[in-house]
Amino acid sequence: MTKAPNGHKIASSYQAVAKFVQKQRRAKKKIVLTQGSFDMLHIGHARYCREAKKRGDVLIVGVDSDQKIRLRKGEGRPVVPQDERLEMLAHLEYVDLVVLKSLNTPKWELIKIVKPDILIATKQTYKPEQIKELEEICTKVVVLKPMAVTSTSAKLRLMQLEAAQKIKSSLTEKLVNTIEEALNELKGEKK
């Protein structure tokens, strides 16, 4: 386990997470777990972590690896590398421990290790039948509403649309100029 500059912890392995959880259980702490990509950390992520922490004493955040995100969201993702995402989350005052979830980790492995009192999710995270299954591992599953108007994916789409619009404007202007030059040349040849 390493410490971020603010004293929050970044777990180096699931074994480190298990030790952390044992210590918290001995202290009778209520453990909350959430997981996600946390790419391009924004206010929605911070609010989500704040709301998660309100439900317990300790908040553990599982962060999807670059490979895991790429497989799910495509080649251009994540925008922010996993080490930076881990450290940024560790800086949030609501987060007590962060850990990387690698591509080859078995399904729900972190949830099974932590066995949280409360698992925090969004509507997009799990299907209703999965939530029922998870309630056998966790004491409770809480589904939070979106915490911001836009998501990381929406922000990226907007940036792509803006870039496409700039390219379109630039190409349109160049195309019009090229056509005008060609027409002027043709007019000059006819005289």
N, C-alpha and C. Protein backbone atom coordinates (compact mmCIF):
# COMPACT_ATOMS: atom_id res chain seq x y z
N MET A 1 0.85 -1.17 0.00
CA MET A 1 0.00 0.00 0.00
C MET A 1 0.89 1.24 0.00
N THR A 2 0.57 2.20 -0.83
CA THR A 2 1.33 3.45 -0.86
C THR A 2 0.41 4.58 -0.42
N LYS A 3 1.03 5.63 0.06
CA LYS A 3 0.23 6.78 0.49
C LYS A 3 0.35 7.89 -0.54
N ALA A 4 -0.78 8.47 -0.87
CA ALA A 4 -0.79 9.66 -1.71
C ALA A 4 -0.34 10.82 -0.82
N PRO A 5 0.04 11.95 -1.42
CA PRO A 5 0.53 13.08 -0.63
C PRO A 5 -0.39 13.52 0.51
N ASN A 6 -1.69 13.30 0.38
CA ASN A 6 -2.60 13.74 1.44
C ASN A 6 -2.83 12.68 2.52
N GLY A 7 -2.09 11.57 2.46
CA GLY A 7 -2.21 10.54 3.47
C GLY A 7 -3.21 9.44 3.12
N HIS A 8 -4.01 9.64 2.08
CA HIS A 8 -4.95 8.60 1.67
C HIS A 8 -4.17 7.45 1.05
N LYS A 9 -4.76 6.30 1.04
CA LYS A 9 -4.04 5.11 0.62
C LYS A 9 -4.46 4.63 -0.75
N ILE A 10 -3.45 4.12 -1.47
CA ILE A 10 -3.65 3.44 -2.74
C ILE A 10 -3.17 2.01 -2.51
N ALA A 11 -4.08 1.05 -2.56
CA ALA A 11 -3.72 -0.34 -2.31
C ALA A 11 -2.98 -0.90 -3.52
N SER A 12 -1.91 -1.63 -3.27
CA SER A 12 -1.11 -2.20 -4.35
C SER A 12 -1.64 -3.56 -4.80
N SER A 13 -2.55 -4.15 -4.03
CA SER A 13 -3.08 -5.47 -4.37
C SER A 13 -4.39 -5.71 -3.63
N TYR A 14 -5.07 -6.77 -4.04
CA TYR A 14 -6.29 -7.15 -3.33
C TYR A 14 -5.97 -7.69 -1.94
N GLN A 15 -4.77 -8.24 -1.75
CA GLN A 15 -4.34 -8.69 -0.42
C GLN A 15 -4.27 -7.50 0.53
N ALA A 16 -3.74 -6.38 0.03
CA ALA A 16 -3.66 -5.16 0.84
C ALA A 16 -5.06 -4.67 1.18
N VAL A 17 -5.98 -4.81 0.24
CA VAL A 17 -7.38 -4.42 0.49
C VAL A 17 -7.96 -5.30 1.59
N ALA A 18 -7.72 -6.60 1.51
CA ALA A 18 -8.25 -7.54 2.51
C ALA A 18 -7.73 -7.20 3.91
N LYS A 19 -6.45 -6.85 4.03
CA LYS A 19 -5.88 -6.46 5.33
C LYS A 19 -6.54 -5.18 5.84
N PHE A 20 -6.72 -4.22 4.94
CA PHE A 20 -7.36 -2.95 5.29
C PHE A 20 -8.78 -3.21 5.81
N VAL A 21 -9.51 -4.06 5.10
CA VAL A 21 -10.89 -4.38 5.47
C VAL A 21 -10.93 -5.07 6.84
N GLN A 22 -10.02 -6.02 7.08
CA GLN A 22 -9.98 -6.70 8.39
C GLN A 22 -9.79 -5.69 9.52
N LYS A 23 -8.89 -4.75 9.31
CA LYS A 23 -8.63 -3.72 10.33
C LYS A 23 -9.89 -2.88 10.58
N GLN A 24 -10.59 -2.52 9.51
CA GLN A 24 -11.81 -1.71 9.64
C GLN A 24 -12.92 -2.50 10.33
N ARG A 25 -13.02 -3.78 10.03
CA ARG A 25 -14.04 -4.64 10.66
C ARG A 25 -13.78 -4.76 12.17
N ARG A 26 -12.51 -4.93 12.54
CA ARG A 26 -12.17 -5.02 13.97
C ARG A 26 -12.56 -3.73 14.70
N ALA A 27 -12.46 -2.61 13.99
CA ALA A 27 -12.82 -1.31 14.59
C ALA A 27 -14.32 -1.04 14.47
N LYS A 28 -15.07 -2.04 13.98
CA LYS A 28 -16.54 -1.94 13.86
C LYS A 28 -16.97 -0.82 12.90
N LYS A 29 -16.18 -0.61 11.85
CA LYS A 29 -16.51 0.43 10.86
C LYS A 29 -17.46 -0.14 9.81
N LYS A 30 -18.36 0.71 9.34
CA LYS A 30 -19.28 0.36 8.26
C LYS A 30 -18.55 0.63 6.94
N ILE A 31 -18.41 -0.40 6.10
CA ILE A 31 -17.61 -0.29 4.87
C ILE A 31 -18.51 -0.12 3.66
N VAL A 32 -18.16 0.88 2.86
CA VAL A 32 -18.87 1.19 1.61
C VAL A 32 -17.89 0.95 0.47
N LEU A 33 -18.37 0.33 -0.60
CA LEU A 33 -17.54 0.06 -1.78
C LEU A 33 -18.25 0.60 -3.01
N THR A 34 -17.47 1.20 -3.90
CA THR A 34 -17.97 1.55 -5.22
C THR A 34 -16.87 1.27 -6.22
N GLN A 35 -17.24 1.22 -7.49
CA GLN A 35 -16.29 0.88 -8.54
C GLN A 35 -16.62 1.67 -9.80
N GLY A 36 -15.62 1.86 -10.65
CA GLY A 36 -15.89 2.53 -11.92
C GLY A 36 -14.62 2.91 -12.65
N SER A 37 -14.81 3.64 -13.75
CA SER A 37 -13.69 4.08 -14.58
C SER A 37 -13.04 5.34 -14.01
N PHE A 38 -13.85 6.30 -13.62
CA PHE A 38 -13.40 7.58 -13.09
C PHE A 38 -12.41 8.25 -14.05
N ASP A 39 -12.74 8.20 -15.35
CA ASP A 39 -11.91 8.83 -16.37
C ASP A 39 -12.28 10.31 -16.43
N MET A 40 -11.30 11.16 -16.62
CA MET A 40 -11.52 12.61 -16.66
C MET A 40 -12.34 13.05 -15.44
N LEU A 41 -11.78 12.82 -14.27
CA LEU A 41 -12.45 13.11 -13.01
C LEU A 41 -13.16 14.46 -13.06
N HIS A 42 -14.45 14.47 -12.73
CA HIS A 42 -15.24 15.70 -12.77
C HIS A 42 -16.12 15.80 -11.53
N ILE A 43 -16.88 16.85 -11.43
CA ILE A 43 -17.68 17.13 -10.24
C ILE A 43 -18.67 16.01 -9.94
N GLY A 44 -19.18 15.36 -10.95
CA GLY A 44 -20.10 14.24 -10.73
C GLY A 44 -19.42 13.11 -9.97
N HIS A 45 -18.15 12.84 -10.30
CA HIS A 45 -17.40 11.80 -9.59
C HIS A 45 -17.22 12.19 -8.12
N ALA A 46 -16.85 13.44 -7.87
CA ALA A 46 -16.64 13.90 -6.49
C ALA A 46 -17.94 13.82 -5.69
N ARG A 47 -19.04 14.25 -6.29
CA ARG A 47 -20.33 14.19 -5.60
C ARG A 47 -20.74 12.74 -5.33
N TYR A 48 -20.47 11.88 -6.28
CA TYR A 48 -20.78 10.46 -6.15
C TYR A 48 -20.02 9.85 -4.96
N CYS A 49 -18.73 10.17 -4.87
CA CYS A 49 -17.92 9.67 -3.74
C CYS A 49 -18.41 10.25 -2.41
N ARG A 50 -18.79 11.52 -2.42
CA ARG A 50 -19.31 12.15 -1.20
C ARG A 50 -20.59 11.45 -0.74
N GLU A 51 -21.49 11.19 -1.68
CA GLU A 51 -22.75 10.52 -1.34
C GLU A 51 -22.51 9.09 -0.87
N ALA A 52 -21.54 8.43 -1.48
CA ALA A 52 -21.20 7.07 -1.06
C ALA A 52 -20.67 7.07 0.37
N LYS A 53 -19.78 7.99 0.67
CA LYS A 53 -19.16 8.06 2.00
C LYS A 53 -20.19 8.35 3.09
N LYS A 54 -21.22 9.12 2.76
CA LYS A 54 -22.27 9.44 3.74
C LYS A 54 -22.96 8.18 4.28
N ARG A 55 -22.87 7.09 3.53
CA ARG A 55 -23.58 5.87 3.91
C ARG A 55 -22.77 4.94 4.81
N GLY A 56 -21.54 5.35 5.13
CA GLY A 56 -20.72 4.50 5.99
C GLY A 56 -19.55 5.26 6.59
N ASP A 57 -18.64 4.50 7.20
CA ASP A 57 -17.46 5.10 7.84
C ASP A 57 -16.25 5.10 6.93
N VAL A 58 -16.17 4.10 6.06
CA VAL A 58 -14.99 3.91 5.21
C VAL A 58 -15.45 3.72 3.77
N LEU A 59 -14.82 4.44 2.84
CA LEU A 59 -15.15 4.29 1.42
C LEU A 59 -13.95 3.72 0.67
N ILE A 60 -14.17 2.57 0.04
CA ILE A 60 -13.17 1.94 -0.82
C ILE A 60 -13.65 2.10 -2.25
N VAL A 61 -12.73 2.51 -3.14
CA VAL A 61 -13.07 2.72 -4.54
C VAL A 61 -12.22 1.81 -5.42
N GLY A 62 -12.89 0.95 -6.19
CA GLY A 62 -12.22 0.11 -7.19
C GLY A 62 -12.19 0.87 -8.50
N VAL A 63 -10.99 0.99 -9.08
CA VAL A 63 -10.81 1.78 -10.31
C VAL A 63 -10.45 0.84 -11.46
N ASP A 64 -11.23 0.89 -12.53
CA ASP A 64 -10.98 0.04 -13.69
C ASP A 64 -9.64 0.37 -14.34
N SER A 65 -8.90 -0.67 -14.71
CA SER A 65 -7.61 -0.49 -15.38
C SER A 65 -7.81 0.07 -16.79
N ASP A 66 -6.74 0.58 -17.36
CA ASP A 66 -6.79 1.10 -18.73
C ASP A 66 -7.30 0.02 -19.68
N GLN A 67 -6.78 -1.21 -19.56
CA GLN A 67 -7.20 -2.31 -20.44
C GLN A 67 -8.69 -2.60 -20.31
N LYS A 68 -9.16 -2.62 -19.10
CA LYS A 68 -10.57 -2.93 -18.83
C LYS A 68 -11.48 -1.86 -19.48
N ILE A 69 -11.09 -0.61 -19.36
CA ILE A 69 -11.87 0.49 -19.95
C ILE A 69 -11.82 0.42 -21.48
N ARG A 70 -10.63 0.18 -22.02
CA ARG A 70 -10.46 0.11 -23.47
C ARG A 70 -11.36 -0.97 -24.07
N LEU A 71 -11.42 -2.11 -23.40
CA LEU A 71 -12.25 -3.21 -23.87
C LEU A 71 -13.73 -2.82 -23.88
N ARG A 72 -14.17 -2.10 -22.86
CA ARG A 72 -15.58 -1.73 -22.73
C ARG A 72 -15.96 -0.48 -23.52
N LYS A 73 -15.06 0.51 -23.58
CA LYS A 73 -15.44 1.81 -24.15
C LYS A 73 -14.75 2.16 -25.47
N GLY A 74 -13.77 1.35 -25.89
CA GLY A 74 -13.13 1.60 -27.18
C GLY A 74 -11.70 2.10 -27.08
N GLU A 75 -11.04 2.12 -28.23
CA GLU A 75 -9.61 2.43 -28.32
C GLU A 75 -9.20 3.78 -27.77
N GLY A 76 -10.01 4.80 -27.92
CA GLY A 76 -9.61 6.14 -27.48
C GLY A 76 -9.71 6.36 -25.98
N ARG A 77 -10.09 5.36 -25.23
CA ARG A 77 -10.30 5.50 -23.80
C ARG A 77 -9.35 4.59 -23.04
N PRO A 78 -9.01 4.90 -21.84
CA PRO A 78 -9.36 6.11 -21.12
C PRO A 78 -8.52 7.29 -21.59
N VAL A 79 -8.97 8.47 -21.28
CA VAL A 79 -8.21 9.68 -21.59
C VAL A 79 -7.10 9.85 -20.56
N VAL A 80 -7.41 9.57 -19.31
CA VAL A 80 -6.45 9.73 -18.21
C VAL A 80 -5.93 8.35 -17.81
N PRO A 81 -4.59 8.16 -17.77
CA PRO A 81 -4.02 6.86 -17.42
C PRO A 81 -4.40 6.42 -16.00
N GLN A 82 -4.41 5.11 -15.80
CA GLN A 82 -4.88 4.53 -14.53
C GLN A 82 -4.14 5.05 -13.30
N ASP A 83 -2.83 5.22 -13.37
CA ASP A 83 -2.09 5.69 -12.19
C ASP A 83 -2.54 7.09 -11.78
N GLU A 84 -2.81 7.94 -12.76
CA GLU A 84 -3.28 9.29 -12.46
C GLU A 84 -4.70 9.26 -11.90
N ARG A 85 -5.55 8.38 -12.44
CA ARG A 85 -6.93 8.28 -11.93
C ARG A 85 -6.93 7.80 -10.48
N LEU A 86 -6.06 6.82 -10.18
CA LEU A 86 -5.95 6.33 -8.80
C LEU A 86 -5.54 7.46 -7.85
N GLU A 87 -4.51 8.20 -8.25
CA GLU A 87 -4.01 9.26 -7.38
C GLU A 87 -5.02 10.39 -7.21
N MET A 88 -5.70 10.76 -8.30
CA MET A 88 -6.70 11.83 -8.19
C MET A 88 -7.81 11.43 -7.22
N LEU A 89 -8.27 10.19 -7.31
CA LEU A 89 -9.31 9.73 -6.38
C LEU A 89 -8.80 9.70 -4.95
N ALA A 90 -7.55 9.31 -4.77
CA ALA A 90 -6.96 9.26 -3.42
C ALA A 90 -6.93 10.65 -2.78
N HIS A 91 -6.92 11.68 -3.60
CA HIS A 91 -6.90 13.05 -3.08
C HIS A 91 -8.28 13.53 -2.60
N LEU A 92 -9.34 12.83 -2.98
CA LEU A 92 -10.67 13.22 -2.52
C LEU A 92 -10.81 12.88 -1.04
N GLU A 93 -11.28 13.84 -0.26
CA GLU A 93 -11.38 13.64 1.19
C GLU A 93 -12.33 12.51 1.59
N TYR A 94 -13.28 12.18 0.73
CA TYR A 94 -14.27 11.15 1.05
C TYR A 94 -13.73 9.74 0.86
N VAL A 95 -12.65 9.60 0.09
CA VAL A 95 -12.12 8.29 -0.28
C VAL A 95 -11.05 7.85 0.71
N ASP A 96 -11.22 6.65 1.25
CA ASP A 96 -10.26 6.13 2.23
C ASP A 96 -9.25 5.17 1.62
N LEU A 97 -9.63 4.49 0.54
CA LEU A 97 -8.73 3.53 -0.11
C LEU A 97 -9.14 3.38 -1.56
N VAL A 98 -8.14 3.35 -2.45
CA VAL A 98 -8.40 3.07 -3.86
C VAL A 98 -7.57 1.86 -4.26
N VAL A 99 -8.10 1.11 -5.21
CA VAL A 99 -7.39 -0.07 -5.70
C VAL A 99 -7.71 -0.26 -7.18
N LEU A 100 -6.73 -0.72 -7.93
CA LEU A 100 -6.89 -0.95 -9.36
C LEU A 100 -7.55 -2.29 -9.62
N LYS A 101 -8.52 -2.30 -10.53
CA LYS A 101 -9.18 -3.54 -10.95
C LYS A 101 -8.66 -3.90 -12.33
N SER A 102 -7.87 -4.96 -12.41
CA SER A 102 -7.26 -5.32 -13.69
C SER A 102 -8.23 -6.12 -14.57
N LEU A 103 -7.87 -6.22 -15.84
CA LEU A 103 -8.71 -6.89 -16.83
C LEU A 103 -8.94 -8.36 -16.49
N ASN A 104 -7.91 -9.03 -16.00
CA ASN A 104 -8.01 -10.47 -15.77
C ASN A 104 -8.57 -10.85 -14.40
N THR A 105 -9.02 -9.88 -13.64
CA THR A 105 -9.61 -10.16 -12.33
C THR A 105 -10.98 -10.82 -12.52
N PRO A 106 -11.25 -11.91 -11.80
CA PRO A 106 -12.57 -12.56 -11.92
C PRO A 106 -13.71 -11.60 -11.58
N LYS A 107 -14.86 -11.87 -12.18
CA LYS A 107 -16.05 -11.04 -11.99
C LYS A 107 -16.36 -10.88 -10.51
N TRP A 108 -16.57 -9.65 -10.09
CA TRP A 108 -16.98 -9.28 -8.74
C TRP A 108 -15.97 -9.68 -7.67
N GLU A 109 -14.73 -9.92 -8.06
CA GLU A 109 -13.70 -10.34 -7.11
C GLU A 109 -13.52 -9.33 -5.98
N LEU A 110 -13.44 -8.06 -6.32
CA LEU A 110 -13.26 -7.03 -5.28
C LEU A 110 -14.45 -7.01 -4.32
N ILE A 111 -15.64 -7.14 -4.86
CA ILE A 111 -16.84 -7.16 -4.02
C ILE A 111 -16.80 -8.35 -3.06
N LYS A 112 -16.36 -9.49 -3.57
CA LYS A 112 -16.28 -10.70 -2.73
C LYS A 112 -15.23 -10.57 -1.64
N ILE A 113 -14.14 -9.88 -1.93
CA ILE A 113 -13.08 -9.68 -0.94
C ILE A 113 -13.52 -8.69 0.14
N VAL A 114 -14.09 -7.58 -0.29
CA VAL A 114 -14.50 -6.52 0.65
C VAL A 114 -15.76 -6.92 1.42
N LYS A 115 -16.69 -7.58 0.74
CA LYS A 115 -18.00 -7.89 1.34
C LYS A 115 -18.54 -6.64 2.04
N PRO A 116 -18.75 -5.58 1.26
CA PRO A 116 -19.13 -4.30 1.86
C PRO A 116 -20.48 -4.35 2.56
N ASP A 117 -20.61 -3.49 3.54
CA ASP A 117 -21.92 -3.31 4.16
C ASP A 117 -22.86 -2.69 3.14
N ILE A 118 -22.28 -1.78 2.34
CA ILE A 118 -23.06 -1.12 1.29
C ILE A 118 -22.23 -1.06 0.01
N LEU A 119 -22.82 -1.54 -1.08
CA LEU A 119 -22.23 -1.42 -2.41
C LEU A 119 -22.97 -0.30 -3.11
N ILE A 120 -22.24 0.69 -3.59
CA ILE A 120 -22.84 1.84 -4.28
C ILE A 120 -22.70 1.63 -5.79
N ALA A 121 -23.79 1.86 -6.52
CA ALA A 121 -23.79 1.68 -7.97
C ALA A 121 -24.62 2.79 -8.62
N THR A 122 -24.59 2.80 -9.95
CA THR A 122 -25.46 3.67 -10.73
C THR A 122 -26.41 2.77 -11.51
N LYS A 123 -27.42 3.35 -12.14
CA LYS A 123 -28.37 2.56 -12.93
C LYS A 123 -27.66 1.77 -14.03
N GLN A 124 -26.59 2.34 -14.58
CA GLN A 124 -25.88 1.70 -15.69
C GLN A 124 -24.95 0.57 -15.23
N THR A 125 -24.66 0.50 -13.93
CA THR A 125 -23.66 -0.46 -13.45
C THR A 125 -24.16 -1.90 -13.49
N TYR A 126 -25.32 -2.16 -12.94
CA TYR A 126 -25.82 -3.54 -12.83
C TYR A 126 -27.27 -3.64 -13.26
N LYS A 127 -27.63 -4.81 -13.79
CA LYS A 127 -29.02 -5.11 -14.12
C LYS A 127 -29.73 -5.53 -12.83
N PRO A 128 -31.07 -5.40 -12.78
CA PRO A 128 -31.81 -5.77 -11.56
C PRO A 128 -31.50 -7.18 -11.05
N GLU A 129 -31.37 -8.15 -11.96
CA GLU A 129 -31.08 -9.52 -11.52
C GLU A 129 -29.67 -9.64 -10.92
N GLN A 130 -28.74 -8.80 -11.42
CA GLN A 130 -27.39 -8.80 -10.85
C GLN A 130 -27.40 -8.20 -9.44
N ILE A 131 -28.21 -7.17 -9.25
CA ILE A 131 -28.32 -6.54 -7.92
C ILE A 131 -28.81 -7.56 -6.90
N LYS A 132 -29.79 -8.37 -7.29
CA LYS A 132 -30.30 -9.42 -6.38
C LYS A 132 -29.17 -10.39 -6.02
N GLU A 133 -28.38 -10.76 -7.00
CA GLU A 133 -27.25 -11.67 -6.77
C GLU A 133 -26.21 -11.02 -5.85
N LEU A 134 -25.95 -9.73 -6.08
CA LEU A 134 -24.96 -9.01 -5.27
C LEU A 134 -25.42 -8.83 -3.83
N GLU A 135 -26.72 -8.74 -3.63
CA GLU A 135 -27.24 -8.59 -2.27
C GLU A 135 -26.95 -9.81 -1.40
N GLU A 136 -26.57 -10.92 -2.04
CA GLU A 136 -26.16 -12.11 -1.28
C GLU A 136 -24.73 -11.96 -0.77
N ILE A 137 -23.94 -11.10 -1.43
CA ILE A 137 -22.54 -10.85 -1.03
C ILE A 137 -22.47 -9.65 -0.09
N CYS A 138 -23.24 -8.62 -0.42
CA CYS A 138 -23.22 -7.36 0.34
C CYS A 138 -24.46 -7.30 1.23
N THR A 139 -24.37 -6.50 2.26
CA THR A 139 -25.54 -6.31 3.12
C THR A 139 -26.61 -5.55 2.35
N LYS A 140 -26.18 -4.57 1.55
CA LYS A 140 -27.13 -3.70 0.85
C LYS A 140 -26.48 -3.15 -0.42
N VAL A 141 -27.28 -3.00 -1.48
CA VAL A 141 -26.84 -2.35 -2.72
C VAL A 141 -27.66 -1.07 -2.86
N VAL A 142 -26.98 0.06 -2.98
CA VAL A 142 -27.64 1.35 -3.13
C VAL A 142 -27.33 1.89 -4.53
N VAL A 143 -28.38 2.22 -5.28
CA VAL A 143 -28.23 2.77 -6.62
C VAL A 143 -28.43 4.28 -6.53
N LEU A 144 -27.37 5.02 -6.86
CA LEU A 144 -27.44 6.49 -6.81
C LEU A 144 -27.85 7.05 -8.16
N LYS A 145 -28.54 8.17 -8.12
CA LYS A 145 -28.89 8.88 -9.35
C LYS A 145 -27.65 9.60 -9.87
N PRO A 146 -27.65 10.03 -11.14
CA PRO A 146 -26.50 10.79 -11.66
C PRO A 146 -26.24 12.03 -10.81
N MET A 147 -24.97 12.34 -10.61
CA MET A 147 -24.57 13.45 -9.74
C MET A 147 -24.17 14.71 -10.51
N ALA A 148 -24.18 14.63 -11.84
CA ALA A 148 -23.84 15.79 -12.67
C ALA A 148 -24.65 15.72 -13.96
N VAL A 149 -24.76 16.85 -14.62
CA VAL A 149 -25.52 16.93 -15.86
C VAL A 149 -24.85 16.11 -16.96
N THR A 150 -23.53 16.15 -17.02
CA THR A 150 -22.84 15.42 -18.07
C THR A 150 -21.91 14.37 -17.50
N SER A 151 -21.73 13.33 -18.30
CA SER A 151 -20.80 12.27 -17.93
C SER A 151 -19.50 12.47 -18.71
N THR A 152 -18.49 11.69 -18.40
CA THR A 152 -17.23 11.76 -19.14
C THR A 152 -17.48 11.45 -20.61
N SER A 153 -18.28 10.42 -20.89
CA SER A 153 -18.57 10.05 -22.28
C SER A 153 -19.27 11.19 -23.01
N ALA A 154 -20.20 11.85 -22.35
CA ALA A 154 -20.91 12.97 -22.97
C ALA A 154 -19.95 14.12 -23.25
N LYS A 155 -19.04 14.39 -22.31
CA LYS A 155 -18.06 15.46 -22.52
C LYS A 155 -17.16 15.14 -23.71
N LEU A 156 -16.74 13.89 -23.82
CA LEU A 156 -15.89 13.50 -24.94
C LEU A 156 -16.64 13.63 -26.27
N ARG A 157 -17.92 13.21 -26.29
CA ARG A 157 -18.71 13.36 -27.52
C ARG A 157 -18.83 14.82 -27.90
N LEU A 158 -19.06 15.70 -26.94
CA LEU A 158 -19.16 17.13 -27.20
C LEU A 158 -17.85 17.67 -27.77
N MET A 159 -16.73 17.25 -27.17
CA MET A 159 -15.43 17.70 -27.67
C MET A 159 -15.21 17.21 -29.10
N GLN A 160 -15.62 15.97 -29.40
CA GLN A 160 -15.47 15.44 -30.75
C GLN A 160 -16.35 16.20 -31.74
N LEU A 161 -17.58 16.52 -31.32
CA LEU A 161 -18.48 17.28 -32.19
C LEU A 161 -17.93 18.68 -32.46
N GLU A 162 -17.39 19.32 -31.43
CA GLU A 162 -16.81 20.64 -31.61
C GLU A 162 -15.62 20.58 -32.57
N ALA A 163 -14.78 19.56 -32.42
CA ALA A 163 -13.63 19.41 -33.31
C ALA A 163 -14.10 19.15 -34.74
N ALA A 164 -15.12 18.30 -34.90
CA ALA A 164 -15.65 18.00 -36.23
C ALA A 164 -16.23 19.26 -36.87
N GLN A 165 -16.91 20.09 -36.08
CA GLN A 165 -17.49 21.33 -36.59
C GLN A 165 -16.39 22.28 -37.08
N LYS A 166 -15.30 22.39 -36.32
CA LYS A 166 -14.18 23.25 -36.72
C LYS A 166 -13.56 22.75 -38.02
N ILE A 167 -13.40 21.43 -38.12
CA ILE A 167 -12.83 20.85 -39.34
C ILE A 167 -13.76 21.11 -40.52
N LYS A 168 -15.07 20.92 -40.30
CA LYS A 168 -16.05 21.15 -41.36
C LYS A 168 -15.99 22.60 -41.84
N SER A 169 -15.96 23.55 -40.91
CA SER A 169 -15.90 24.97 -41.27
C SER A 169 -14.64 25.27 -42.07
N SER A 170 -13.52 24.75 -41.60
CA SER A 170 -12.24 24.99 -42.27
C SER A 170 -12.24 24.38 -43.67
N LEU A 171 -12.72 23.14 -43.79
CA LEU A 171 -12.76 22.48 -45.10
C LEU A 171 -13.73 23.17 -46.05
N THR A 172 -14.88 23.60 -45.52
CA THR A 172 -15.87 24.29 -46.36
C THR A 172 -15.26 25.56 -46.94
N GLU A 173 -14.59 26.33 -46.09
CA GLU A 173 -13.95 27.57 -46.54
C GLU A 173 -12.89 27.28 -47.61
N LYS A 174 -12.07 26.28 -47.37
CA LYS A 174 -11.01 25.93 -48.34
C LYS A 174 -11.61 25.42 -49.65
N LEU A 175 -12.68 24.63 -49.56
CA LEU A 175 -13.32 24.10 -50.75
C LEU A 175 -13.93 25.23 -51.58
N VAL A 176 -14.61 26.17 -50.93
CA VAL A 176 -15.20 27.31 -51.63
C VAL A 176 -14.10 28.11 -52.33
N ASN A 177 -13.00 28.37 -51.63
CA ASN A 177 -11.88 29.12 -52.23
C ASN A 177 -11.29 28.38 -53.42
N THR A 178 -11.14 27.06 -53.31
CA THR A 178 -10.58 26.26 -54.40
C THR A 178 -11.50 26.29 -55.62
N ILE A 179 -12.81 26.17 -55.40
CA ILE A 179 -13.78 26.22 -56.50
C ILE A 179 -13.75 27.58 -57.17
N GLU A 180 -13.71 28.65 -56.36
CA GLU A 180 -13.65 30.01 -56.92
C GLU A 180 -12.39 30.19 -57.76
N GLU A 181 -11.26 29.71 -57.27
CA GLU A 181 -10.00 29.82 -58.02
C GLU A 181 -10.09 29.04 -59.33
N ALA A 182 -10.66 27.84 -59.29
CA ALA A 182 -10.80 27.02 -60.50
C ALA A 182 -11.72 27.71 -61.50
N LEU A 183 -12.82 28.29 -61.03
CA LEU A 183 -13.74 29.00 -61.93
C LEU A 183 -13.07 30.22 -62.54
N ASN A 184 -12.30 30.96 -61.74
CA ASN A 184 -11.59 32.13 -62.25
C ASN A 184 -10.57 31.72 -63.31
N GLU A 185 -9.90 30.59 -63.09
CA GLU A 185 -8.94 30.10 -64.08
C GLU A 185 -9.65 29.73 -65.37
N LEU A 186 -10.82 29.07 -65.24
CA LEU A 186 -11.59 28.69 -66.43
C LEU A 186 -12.07 29.93 -67.18
N LYS A 187 -12.50 30.96 -66.46
CA LYS A 187 -12.94 32.20 -67.09
C LYS A 187 -11.79 32.83 -67.85
N GLY A 188 -10.61 32.78 -67.25
CA GLY A 188 -9.42 33.36 -67.88
C GLY A 188 -9.04 32.63 -69.15
N GLU A 189 -9.26 31.33 -69.22
CA GLU A 189 -8.92 30.52 -70.39
C GLU A 189 -9.89 30.79 -71.53
N LYS A 190 -11.14 31.13 -71.24
CA LYS A 190 -12.16 31.35 -72.26
C LYS A 190 -11.94 32.67 -73.01
N LYS A 191 -11.27 33.62 -72.41
CA LYS A 191 -11.11 34.93 -73.04
C LYS A 191 -10.14 34.92 -74.15
